[in-house]
All heavy atoms as atom14 arrays in JSON, in Angstrom:
{
  "sequence": "AAQRIAFGVYDEPIRFNITLIDGQLCVAQPYLPQT",
  "atom14_mask": [
    [1, 1, 1, 1, 1, 0, 0, 0, 0, 0, 0, 0, 0, 0],
    [1, 1, 1, 1, 1, 0, 0, 0, 0, 0, 0, 0, 0, 0],
    [1, 1, 1, 1, 1, 1, 1, 1, 1, 0, 0, 0, 0, 0],
    [1, 1, 1, 1, 1, 1, 1, 1, 1, 1, 1, 0, 0, 0],
    [1, 1, 1, 1, 1, 1, 1, 1, 0, 0, 0, 0, 0, 0],
    [1, 1, 1, 1, 1, 0, 0, 0, 0, 0, 0, 0, 0, 0],
    [1, 1, 1, 1, 1, 1, 1, 1, 1, 1, 1, 0, 0, 0],
    [1, 1, 1, 1, 0, 0, 0, 0, 0, 0, 0, 0, 0, 0],
    [1, 1, 1, 1, 1, 1, 1, 0, 0, 0, 0, 0, 0, 0],
    [1, 1, 1, 1, 1, 1, 1, 1, 1, 1, 1, 1, 0, 0],
    [1, 1, 1, 1, 1, 1, 1, 1, 0, 0, 0, 0, 0, 0],
    [1, 1, 1, 1, 1, 1, 1, 1, 1, 0, 0, 0, 0, 0],
    [1, 1, 1, 1, 1, 1, 1, 0, 0, 0, 0, 0, 0, 0],
    [1, 1, 1, 1, 1, 1, 1, 1, 0, 0, 0, 0, 0, 0],
    [1, 1, 1, 1, 1, 1, 1, 1, 1, 1, 1, 0, 0, 0],
    [1, 1, 1, 1, 1, 1, 1, 1, 1, 1, 1, 0, 0, 0],
    [1, 1, 1, 1, 1, 1, 1, 1, 0, 0, 0, 0, 0, 0],
    [1, 1, 1, 1, 1, 1, 1, 1, 0, 0, 0, 0, 0, 0],
    [1, 1, 1, 1, 1, 1, 1, 0, 0, 0, 0, 0, 0, 0],
    [1, 1, 1, 1, 1, 1, 1, 1, 0, 0, 0, 0, 0, 0],
    [1, 1, 1, 1, 1, 1, 1, 1, 0, 0, 0, 0, 0, 0],
    [1, 1, 1, 1, 1, 1, 1, 1, 0, 0, 0, 0, 0, 0],
    [1, 1, 1, 1, 0, 0, 0, 0, 0, 0, 0, 0, 0, 0],
    [1, 1, 1, 1, 1, 1, 1, 1, 1, 0, 0, 0, 0, 0],
    [1, 1, 1, 1, 1, 1, 1, 1, 0, 0, 0, 0, 0, 0],
    [1, 1, 1, 1, 1, 1, 0, 0, 0, 0, 0, 0, 0, 0],
    [1, 1, 1, 1, 1, 1, 1, 0, 0, 0, 0, 0, 0, 0],
    [1, 1, 1, 1, 1, 0, 0, 0, 0, 0, 0, 0, 0, 0],
    [1, 1, 1, 1, 1, 1, 1, 1, 1, 0, 0, 0, 0, 0],
    [1, 1, 1, 1, 1, 1, 1, 0, 0, 0, 0, 0, 0, 0],
    [1, 1, 1, 1, 1, 1, 1, 1, 1, 1, 1, 1, 0, 0],
    [1, 1, 1, 1, 1, 1, 1, 1, 0, 0, 0, 0, 0, 0],
    [1, 1, 1, 1, 1, 1, 1, 0, 0, 0, 0, 0, 0, 0],
    [1, 1, 1, 1, 1, 1, 1, 1, 1, 0, 0, 0, 0, 0],
    [1, 1, 1, 1, 1, 1, 1, 0, 0, 0, 0, 0, 0, 0]
  ],
  "atom14_positions": [
    [[0.83, -1.21, 0.0], [0.0, 0.0, 0.0], [0.86, 1.25, 0.0], [0.53, 2.25, -0.66], [-0.92, 0.0, 1.21], [0.0, 0.0, 0.0], [0.0, 0.0, 0.0], [0.0, 0.0, 0.0], [0.0, 0.0, 0.0], [0.0, 0.0, 0.0], [0.0, 0.0, 0.0], [0.0, 0.0, 0.0], [0.0, 0.0, 0.0], [0.0, 0.0, 0.0]],
    [[1.98, 1.23, 0.72], [2.86, 2.4, 0.78], [3.41, 2.77, -0.59], [3.63, 3.95, -0.88], [4.01, 2.14, 1.76], [0.0, 0.0, 0.0], [0.0, 0.0, 0.0], [0.0, 0.0, 0.0], [0.0, 0.0, 0.0], [0.0, 0.0, 0.0], [0.0, 0.0, 0.0], [0.0, 0.0, 0.0], [0.0, 0.0, 0.0], [0.0, 0.0, 0.0]],
    [[3.61, 1.8, -1.45], [4.12, 2.06, -2.8], [3.08, 2.74, -3.68], [3.43, 3.36, -4.68], [4.58, 0.76, -3.46], [5.77, 0.13, -2.8], [6.1, -1.24, -3.38], [5.51, -1.66, -4.36], [7.04, -1.92, -2.75], [0.0, 0.0, 0.0], [0.0, 0.0, 0.0], [0.0, 0.0, 0.0], [0.0, 0.0, 0.0], [0.0, 0.0, 0.0]],
    [[1.81, 2.63, -3.33], [0.74, 3.18, -4.16], [0.29, 4.56, -3.75], [-0.53, 5.18, -4.42], [-0.46, 2.23, -4.14], [-0.21, 0.89, -4.78], [-1.49, 0.09, -4.9], [-2.31, 0.2, -3.7], [-2.66, -0.83, -2.94], [-2.27, -2.04, -3.22], [-3.42, -0.65, -1.88], [0.0, 0.0, 0.0], [0.0, 0.0, 0.0], [0.0, 0.0, 0.0]],
    [[0.79, 5.09, -2.64], [0.32, 6.38, -2.15], [1.31, 7.48, -2.55], [2.51, 7.27, -2.58], [0.09, 6.35, -0.62], [-0.73, 7.56, -0.19], [1.4, 6.27, 0.13], [-1.34, 7.39, 1.19], [0.0, 0.0, 0.0], [0.0, 0.0, 0.0], [0.0, 0.0, 0.0], [0.0, 0.0, 0.0], [0.0, 0.0, 0.0], [0.0, 0.0, 0.0]],
    [[0.76, 8.63, -2.9], [1.58, 9.77, -3.28], [1.01, 11.01, -2.61], [-0.19, 11.14, -2.43], [1.59, 9.95, -4.8], [0.0, 0.0, 0.0], [0.0, 0.0, 0.0], [0.0, 0.0, 0.0], [0.0, 0.0, 0.0], [0.0, 0.0, 0.0], [0.0, 0.0, 0.0], [0.0, 0.0, 0.0], [0.0, 0.0, 0.0], [0.0, 0.0, 0.0]],
    [[1.89, 11.94, -2.24], [1.49, 13.17, -1.57], [1.94, 14.37, -2.4], [2.99, 14.32, -3.04], [2.15, 13.29, -0.19], [1.63, 12.31, 0.82], [2.12, 11.02, 0.87], [0.65, 12.69, 1.71], [1.65, 10.12, 1.8], [0.17, 11.79, 2.64], [0.67, 10.5, 2.68], [0.0, 0.0, 0.0], [0.0, 0.0, 0.0], [0.0, 0.0, 0.0]],
    [[1.19, 15.43, -2.35], [1.57, 16.69, -2.97], [0.99, 17.84, -2.17], [-0.02, 17.68, -1.48], [0.0, 0.0, 0.0], [0.0, 0.0, 0.0], [0.0, 0.0, 0.0], [0.0, 0.0, 0.0], [0.0, 0.0, 0.0], [0.0, 0.0, 0.0], [0.0, 0.0, 0.0], [0.0, 0.0, 0.0], [0.0, 0.0, 0.0], [0.0, 0.0, 0.0]],
    [[1.63, 18.99, -2.24], [1.18, 20.18, -1.52], [0.94, 21.27, -2.56], [1.71, 21.43, -3.5], [2.27, 20.64, -0.52], [1.85, 21.9, 0.2], [2.58, 19.54, 0.47], [0.0, 0.0, 0.0], [0.0, 0.0, 0.0], [0.0, 0.0, 0.0], [0.0, 0.0, 0.0], [0.0, 0.0, 0.0], [0.0, 0.0, 0.0], [0.0, 0.0, 0.0]],
    [[-0.14, 22.01, -2.38], [-0.43, 23.11, -3.29], [-0.83, 24.33, -2.49], [-1.26, 24.23, -1.34], [-1.5, 22.73, -4.31], [-2.83, 22.33, -3.69], [-3.83, 23.27, -3.53], [-3.07, 21.03, -3.29], [-5.05, 22.93, -2.97], [-4.29, 20.67, -2.73], [-5.27, 21.62, -2.58], [-6.47, 21.27, -2.02], [0.0, 0.0, 0.0], [0.0, 0.0, 0.0]],
    [[-0.68, 25.48, -3.11], [-0.97, 26.75, -2.44], [-2.19, 27.39, -3.08], [-2.09, 28.37, -3.81], [0.25, 27.67, -2.53], [0.1, 28.91, -1.65], [-0.75, 28.89, -0.74], [0.82, 29.89, -1.89], [0.0, 0.0, 0.0], [0.0, 0.0, 0.0], [0.0, 0.0, 0.0], [0.0, 0.0, 0.0], [0.0, 0.0, 0.0], [0.0, 0.0, 0.0]],
    [[-3.33, 26.81, -2.84], [-4.61, 27.29, -3.36], [-5.62, 27.25, -2.22], [-5.47, 26.46, -1.29], [-5.11, 26.38, -4.49], [-4.23, 26.31, -5.7], [-4.37, 27.54, -6.59], [-5.42, 28.21, -6.53], [-3.41, 27.82, -7.32], [0.0, 0.0, 0.0], [0.0, 0.0, 0.0], [0.0, 0.0, 0.0], [0.0, 0.0, 0.0], [0.0, 0.0, 0.0]],
    [[-6.67, 28.07, -2.28], [-7.7, 27.98, -1.25], [-8.36, 26.6, -1.28], [-8.61, 26.05, -2.34], [-8.72, 29.05, -1.64], [-8.01, 29.94, -2.6], [-6.94, 29.13, -3.25], [0.0, 0.0, 0.0], [0.0, 0.0, 0.0], [0.0, 0.0, 0.0], [0.0, 0.0, 0.0], [0.0, 0.0, 0.0], [0.0, 0.0, 0.0], [0.0, 0.0, 0.0]],
    [[-8.62, 26.05, -0.12], [-9.27, 24.75, -0.02], [-10.76, 24.93, -0.3], [-11.43, 25.74, 0.32], [-9.08, 24.16, 1.38], [-7.61, 23.93, 1.66], [-9.88, 22.86, 1.53], [-7.33, 23.56, 3.11], [0.0, 0.0, 0.0], [0.0, 0.0, 0.0], [0.0, 0.0, 0.0], [0.0, 0.0, 0.0], [0.0, 0.0, 0.0], [0.0, 0.0, 0.0]],
    [[-11.27, 24.17, -1.26], [-12.7, 24.19, -1.55], [-13.31, 22.82, -1.25], [-14.36, 22.72, -0.66], [-12.94, 24.52, -3.03], [-12.31, 25.8, -3.48], [-13.2, 26.98, -3.18], [-12.72, 28.16, -3.88], [-12.24, 29.22, -3.28], [-12.16, 29.27, -1.98], [-11.83, 30.26, -3.97], [0.0, 0.0, 0.0], [0.0, 0.0, 0.0], [0.0, 0.0, 0.0]],
    [[-12.63, 21.76, -1.7], [-13.07, 20.39, -1.5], [-11.87, 19.51, -1.21], [-10.79, 19.72, -1.76], [-13.74, 19.82, -2.78], [-15.16, 20.22, -2.98], [-15.48, 21.4, -3.64], [-16.19, 19.42, -2.53], [-16.79, 21.76, -3.84], [-17.51, 19.78, -2.73], [-17.81, 20.95, -3.39], [0.0, 0.0, 0.0], [0.0, 0.0, 0.0], [0.0, 0.0, 0.0]],
    [[-12.06, 18.53, -0.36], [-11.12, 17.41, -0.28], [-11.6, 16.43, -1.34], [-12.77, 16.03, -1.33], [-11.18, 16.74, 1.1], [-10.65, 17.66, 2.18], [-9.66, 18.35, 1.99], [-11.32, 17.67, 3.32], [0.0, 0.0, 0.0], [0.0, 0.0, 0.0], [0.0, 0.0, 0.0], [0.0, 0.0, 0.0], [0.0, 0.0, 0.0], [0.0, 0.0, 0.0]],
    [[-10.73, 16.07, -2.27], [-11.12, 15.2, -3.38], [-10.2, 13.99, -3.4], [-8.99, 14.13, -3.42], [-11.02, 15.93, -4.73], [-11.92, 17.17, -4.73], [-11.38, 15.0, -5.88], [-11.72, 18.07, -5.94], [0.0, 0.0, 0.0], [0.0, 0.0, 0.0], [0.0, 0.0, 0.0], [0.0, 0.0, 0.0], [0.0, 0.0, 0.0], [0.0, 0.0, 0.0]],
    [[-10.79, 12.81, -3.4], [-10.05, 11.56, -3.53], [-10.63, 10.79, -4.71], [-11.82, 10.46, -4.71], [-10.15, 10.7, -2.26], [-9.73, 11.48, -1.14], [-9.3, 9.46, -2.36], [0.0, 0.0, 0.0], [0.0, 0.0, 0.0], [0.0, 0.0, 0.0], [0.0, 0.0, 0.0], [0.0, 0.0, 0.0], [0.0, 0.0, 0.0], [0.0, 0.0, 0.0]],
    [[-9.8, 10.56, -5.73], [-10.22, 9.74, -6.87], [-9.8, 8.31, -6.57], [-8.62, 8.05, -6.32], [-9.57, 10.24, -8.16], [-9.87, 11.7, -8.54], [-9.11, 12.08, -9.79], [-11.35, 11.92, -8.72], [0.0, 0.0, 0.0], [0.0, 0.0, 0.0], [0.0, 0.0, 0.0], [0.0, 0.0, 0.0], [0.0, 0.0, 0.0], [0.0, 0.0, 0.0]],
    [[-10.74, 7.39, -6.6], [-10.47, 6.03, -6.17], [-9.94, 5.16, -7.32], [-8.86, 4.61, -7.23], [-11.74, 5.37, -5.58], [-12.31, 6.22, -4.44], [-11.46, 3.94, -5.13], [-11.4, 6.41, -3.26], [0.0, 0.0, 0.0], [0.0, 0.0, 0.0], [0.0, 0.0, 0.0], [0.0, 0.0, 0.0], [0.0, 0.0, 0.0], [0.0, 0.0, 0.0]],
    [[-10.68, 5.03, -8.39], [-10.3, 4.06, -9.43], [-10.7, 4.49, -10.84], [-10.87, 3.66, -11.71], [-10.91, 2.71, -9.12], [-12.44, 2.76, -9.04], [-13.03, 3.82, -9.31], [-13.04, 1.73, -8.7], [0.0, 0.0, 0.0], [0.0, 0.0, 0.0], [0.0, 0.0, 0.0], [0.0, 0.0, 0.0], [0.0, 0.0, 0.0], [0.0, 0.0, 0.0]],
    [[-10.86, 5.75, -11.07], [-11.31, 6.2, -12.39], [-12.82, 6.16, -12.55], [-13.36, 6.59, -13.56], [0.0, 0.0, 0.0], [0.0, 0.0, 0.0], [0.0, 0.0, 0.0], [0.0, 0.0, 0.0], [0.0, 0.0, 0.0], [0.0, 0.0, 0.0], [0.0, 0.0, 0.0], [0.0, 0.0, 0.0], [0.0, 0.0, 0.0], [0.0, 0.0, 0.0]],
    [[-13.52, 5.63, -11.57], [-14.97, 5.53, -11.61], [-15.65, 6.08, -10.37], [-16.84, 6.32, -10.38], [-15.4, 4.06, -11.78], [-14.92, 3.42, -13.05], [-15.53, 4.06, -14.29], [-16.74, 4.28, -14.36], [-14.7, 4.37, -15.25], [0.0, 0.0, 0.0], [0.0, 0.0, 0.0], [0.0, 0.0, 0.0], [0.0, 0.0, 0.0], [0.0, 0.0, 0.0]],
    [[-14.88, 6.25, -9.3], [-15.47, 6.68, -8.02], [-14.65, 7.82, -7.43], [-13.42, 7.78, -7.44], [-15.5, 5.51, -7.03], [-16.14, 5.77, -5.67], [-17.62, 6.1, -5.82], [-15.94, 4.56, -4.77], [0.0, 0.0, 0.0], [0.0, 0.0, 0.0], [0.0, 0.0, 0.0], [0.0, 0.0, 0.0], [0.0, 0.0, 0.0], [0.0, 0.0, 0.0]],
    [[-15.35, 8.82, -6.93], [-14.72, 9.99, -6.32], [-15.38, 10.22, -4.96], [-16.6, 10.08, -4.83], [-14.95, 11.2, -7.22], [-14.52, 12.79, -6.49], [0.0, 0.0, 0.0], [0.0, 0.0, 0.0], [0.0, 0.0, 0.0], [0.0, 0.0, 0.0], [0.0, 0.0, 0.0], [0.0, 0.0, 0.0], [0.0, 0.0, 0.0], [0.0, 0.0, 0.0]],
    [[-14.57, 10.56, -3.97], [-15.08, 10.97, -2.67], [-14.74, 12.46, -2.54], [-13.59, 12.85, -2.67], [-14.43, 10.18, -1.51], [-14.97, 10.65, -0.18], [-14.64, 8.69, -1.7], [0.0, 0.0, 0.0], [0.0, 0.0, 0.0], [0.0, 0.0, 0.0], [0.0, 0.0, 0.0], [0.0, 0.0, 0.0], [0.0, 0.0, 0.0], [0.0, 0.0, 0.0]],
    [[-15.76, 13.28, -2.36], [-15.56, 14.73, -2.28], [-16.24, 15.27, -1.02], [-17.37, 14.91, -0.72], [-16.12, 15.42, -3.52], [0.0, 0.0, 0.0], [0.0, 0.0, 0.0], [0.0, 0.0, 0.0], [0.0, 0.0, 0.0], [0.0, 0.0, 0.0], [0.0, 0.0, 0.0], [0.0, 0.0, 0.0], [0.0, 0.0, 0.0], [0.0, 0.0, 0.0]],
    [[-15.5, 16.11, -0.31], [-16.04, 16.71, 0.91], [-15.74, 18.2, 0.87], [-14.58, 18.6, 0.76], [-15.4, 16.07, 2.14], [-15.96, 16.57, 3.44], [-15.29, 15.92, 4.64], [-14.1, 15.66, 4.62], [-16.06, 15.69, 5.69], [0.0, 0.0, 0.0], [0.0, 0.0, 0.0], [0.0, 0.0, 0.0], [0.0, 0.0, 0.0], [0.0, 0.0, 0.0]],
    [[-16.77, 19.06, 0.93], [-16.51, 20.49, 0.88], [-15.87, 21.0, 2.16], [-16.08, 20.45, 3.24], [-17.92, 21.1, 0.71], [-18.84, 20.1, 1.32], [-18.2, 18.75, 1.08], [0.0, 0.0, 0.0], [0.0, 0.0, 0.0], [0.0, 0.0, 0.0], [0.0, 0.0, 0.0], [0.0, 0.0, 0.0], [0.0, 0.0, 0.0], [0.0, 0.0, 0.0]],
    [[-15.05, 22.02, 2.02], [-14.49, 22.71, 3.17], [-15.51, 23.72, 3.64], [-15.93, 24.61, 2.88], [-13.18, 23.41, 2.79], [-12.67, 24.3, 3.9], [-12.14, 23.75, 5.06], [-12.74, 25.68, 3.79], [-11.69, 24.56, 6.09], [-12.28, 26.5, 4.81], [-11.76, 25.93, 5.95], [-11.32, 26.74, 6.97], [0.0, 0.0, 0.0], [0.0, 0.0, 0.0]],
    [[-15.96, 23.6, 4.86], [-16.91, 24.53, 5.45], [-16.22, 25.17, 6.66], [-15.99, 24.5, 7.66], [-18.18, 23.79, 5.88], [-18.91, 23.03, 4.76], [-20.08, 22.24, 5.32], [-19.37, 23.99, 3.68], [0.0, 0.0, 0.0], [0.0, 0.0, 0.0], [0.0, 0.0, 0.0], [0.0, 0.0, 0.0], [0.0, 0.0, 0.0], [0.0, 0.0, 0.0]],
    [[-15.87, 26.46, 6.57], [-15.03, 27.08, 7.59], [-15.61, 27.07, 9.0], [-14.85, 27.09, 9.96], [-14.84, 28.51, 7.09], [-15.81, 28.71, 6.0], [-16.24, 27.37, 5.51], [0.0, 0.0, 0.0], [0.0, 0.0, 0.0], [0.0, 0.0, 0.0], [0.0, 0.0, 0.0], [0.0, 0.0, 0.0], [0.0, 0.0, 0.0], [0.0, 0.0, 0.0]],
    [[-16.9, 26.99, 9.15], [-17.5, 27.01, 10.48], [-17.9, 25.62, 10.97], [-18.57, 25.49, 11.99], [-18.73, 27.93, 10.48], [-18.45, 29.34, 10.03], [-17.41, 30.04, 10.9], [-17.4, 29.9, 12.11], [-16.51, 30.78, 10.27], [0.0, 0.0, 0.0], [0.0, 0.0, 0.0], [0.0, 0.0, 0.0], [0.0, 0.0, 0.0], [0.0, 0.0, 0.0]],
    [[-17.5, 24.58, 10.24], [-17.93, 23.22, 10.55], [-16.72, 22.31, 10.69], [-15.79, 22.39, 9.9], [-18.84, 22.69, 9.42], [-19.91, 23.61, 9.23], [-19.41, 21.34, 9.75], [0.0, 0.0, 0.0], [0.0, 0.0, 0.0], [0.0, 0.0, 0.0], [0.0, 0.0, 0.0], [0.0, 0.0, 0.0], [0.0, 0.0, 0.0], [0.0, 0.0, 0.0]]
  ]
}
C-alpha cells in the first residue's frame, strides 16, 4: 500500500477534499469554515 500512495502540496484555497479512487469513483467533501 505504501508504494501506491503519493502526496503533494499546493498553495490554493481549499474548496473540496477530493479523492479519486479508481477512475470511476470519487469521494468529495466540501471545506466549510465554520464546521
